[in-house]
Amino acid sequence: LGNIATITFGLQTKDKDTYVKNIKIDNEWELCYTGRDISRYY
């Protein structure tokens, strides 16, 4: 799996309005995938 993807584990947040955005705020932000994003694959 390491040859085709990387996994970054982040903190879980209950305040998704503050910490999860649809747009990248600056270069320090990373994409965040949730169960909703990957549920179609299993």
N, C-alpha and C. Protein backbone atom coordinates (compact mmCIF):
# COMPACT_ATOMS: atom_id res chain seq x y z
N LEU A 1 0.83 -1.20 0.00
CA LEU A 1 0.00 0.00 0.00
C LEU A 1 0.86 1.25 0.00
N GLY A 2 2.01 1.20 0.66
CA GLY A 2 2.87 2.37 0.73
C GLY A 2 3.38 2.84 -0.62
N ASN A 3 3.35 1.98 -1.62
CA ASN A 3 3.80 2.38 -2.96
C ASN A 3 2.77 3.20 -3.72
N ILE A 4 1.50 3.09 -3.33
CA ILE A 4 0.46 3.81 -4.08
C ILE A 4 -0.29 4.84 -3.25
N ALA A 5 -0.10 4.85 -1.93
CA ALA A 5 -0.85 5.79 -1.09
C ALA A 5 -0.10 6.07 0.20
N THR A 6 -0.43 7.17 0.82
CA THR A 6 0.07 7.47 2.15
C THR A 6 -1.12 7.72 3.06
N ILE A 7 -0.94 7.42 4.31
CA ILE A 7 -2.02 7.61 5.28
C ILE A 7 -1.52 8.55 6.35
N THR A 8 -2.30 9.56 6.63
CA THR A 8 -1.99 10.50 7.70
C THR A 8 -3.14 10.45 8.69
N PHE A 9 -2.83 10.12 9.92
CA PHE A 9 -3.86 10.09 10.94
C PHE A 9 -3.86 11.42 11.67
N GLY A 10 -5.01 12.05 11.74
CA GLY A 10 -5.13 13.33 12.42
C GLY A 10 -6.03 13.20 13.63
N LEU A 11 -6.21 14.29 14.30
CA LEU A 11 -7.09 14.32 15.45
C LEU A 11 -8.55 14.31 15.01
N GLN A 12 -9.37 13.65 15.78
CA GLN A 12 -10.80 13.68 15.53
C GLN A 12 -11.36 14.96 16.14
N THR A 13 -12.31 15.56 15.47
CA THR A 13 -12.90 16.79 15.99
C THR A 13 -14.41 16.69 15.95
N LYS A 14 -15.04 17.21 16.98
CA LYS A 14 -16.50 17.28 16.99
C LYS A 14 -16.98 18.58 16.37
N ASP A 15 -16.07 19.55 16.23
CA ASP A 15 -16.43 20.87 15.69
C ASP A 15 -16.02 20.94 14.23
N LYS A 16 -16.74 20.25 13.38
CA LYS A 16 -16.38 20.20 11.97
C LYS A 16 -16.59 21.54 11.27
N ASP A 17 -17.46 22.39 11.79
CA ASP A 17 -17.66 23.71 11.17
C ASP A 17 -16.40 24.56 11.26
N THR A 18 -15.62 24.38 12.32
CA THR A 18 -14.40 25.16 12.51
C THR A 18 -13.19 24.51 11.85
N TYR A 19 -13.06 23.20 11.98
CA TYR A 19 -11.82 22.54 11.61
C TYR A 19 -11.84 21.78 10.29
N VAL A 20 -13.00 21.57 9.71
CA VAL A 20 -13.10 20.86 8.44
C VAL A 20 -13.70 21.81 7.41
N LYS A 21 -12.97 22.06 6.34
CA LYS A 21 -13.41 23.01 5.32
C LYS A 21 -13.41 22.35 3.95
N ASN A 22 -14.20 22.88 3.05
CA ASN A 22 -14.24 22.39 1.68
C ASN A 22 -13.13 22.99 0.82
N ILE A 23 -12.50 24.04 1.30
CA ILE A 23 -11.42 24.69 0.56
C ILE A 23 -10.15 24.70 1.41
N LYS A 24 -9.01 24.74 0.76
CA LYS A 24 -7.73 24.79 1.45
C LYS A 24 -7.47 26.22 1.90
N ILE A 25 -7.31 26.42 3.20
CA ILE A 25 -7.13 27.76 3.76
C ILE A 25 -5.74 28.32 3.43
N ASP A 26 -4.70 27.50 3.61
CA ASP A 26 -3.34 27.91 3.28
C ASP A 26 -2.51 26.66 3.01
N ASN A 27 -1.23 26.81 2.80
CA ASN A 27 -0.37 25.67 2.45
C ASN A 27 -0.16 24.67 3.58
N GLU A 28 -0.51 25.04 4.80
CA GLU A 28 -0.37 24.14 5.95
C GLU A 28 -1.53 23.15 6.05
N TRP A 29 -2.62 23.42 5.38
CA TRP A 29 -3.81 22.56 5.47
C TRP A 29 -3.65 21.34 4.58
N GLU A 30 -4.19 20.21 5.04
CA GLU A 30 -4.19 18.97 4.29
C GLU A 30 -5.62 18.52 4.06
N LEU A 31 -5.83 17.71 3.02
CA LEU A 31 -7.14 17.15 2.77
C LEU A 31 -7.55 16.23 3.92
N CYS A 32 -8.80 16.23 4.23
CA CYS A 32 -9.32 15.38 5.30
C CYS A 32 -10.45 14.54 4.73
N TYR A 33 -10.27 13.24 4.73
CA TYR A 33 -11.29 12.34 4.23
C TYR A 33 -12.04 11.75 5.42
N THR A 34 -13.33 11.66 5.30
CA THR A 34 -14.15 11.10 6.37
C THR A 34 -14.75 9.78 5.90
N GLY A 35 -15.45 9.11 6.79
CA GLY A 35 -16.12 7.88 6.42
C GLY A 35 -17.07 8.06 5.26
N ARG A 36 -17.67 9.22 5.16
CA ARG A 36 -18.57 9.52 4.05
C ARG A 36 -17.82 9.47 2.72
N ASP A 37 -16.55 9.89 2.72
CA ASP A 37 -15.76 9.90 1.49
C ASP A 37 -15.35 8.50 1.03
N ILE A 38 -15.11 7.60 1.97
CA ILE A 38 -14.60 6.28 1.60
C ILE A 38 -15.63 5.18 1.67
N SER A 39 -16.82 5.45 2.17
CA SER A 39 -17.82 4.39 2.36
C SER A 39 -18.22 3.73 1.04
N ARG A 40 -18.09 4.42 -0.06
CA ARG A 40 -18.47 3.82 -1.35
C ARG A 40 -17.52 2.71 -1.78
N TYR A 41 -16.35 2.60 -1.14
CA TYR A 41 -15.36 1.60 -1.54
C TYR A 41 -15.46 0.29 -0.76
N TYR A 42 -16.33 0.22 0.22
CA TYR A 42 -16.48 -1.05 0.96
C TYR A 42 -17.92 -1.40 1.17
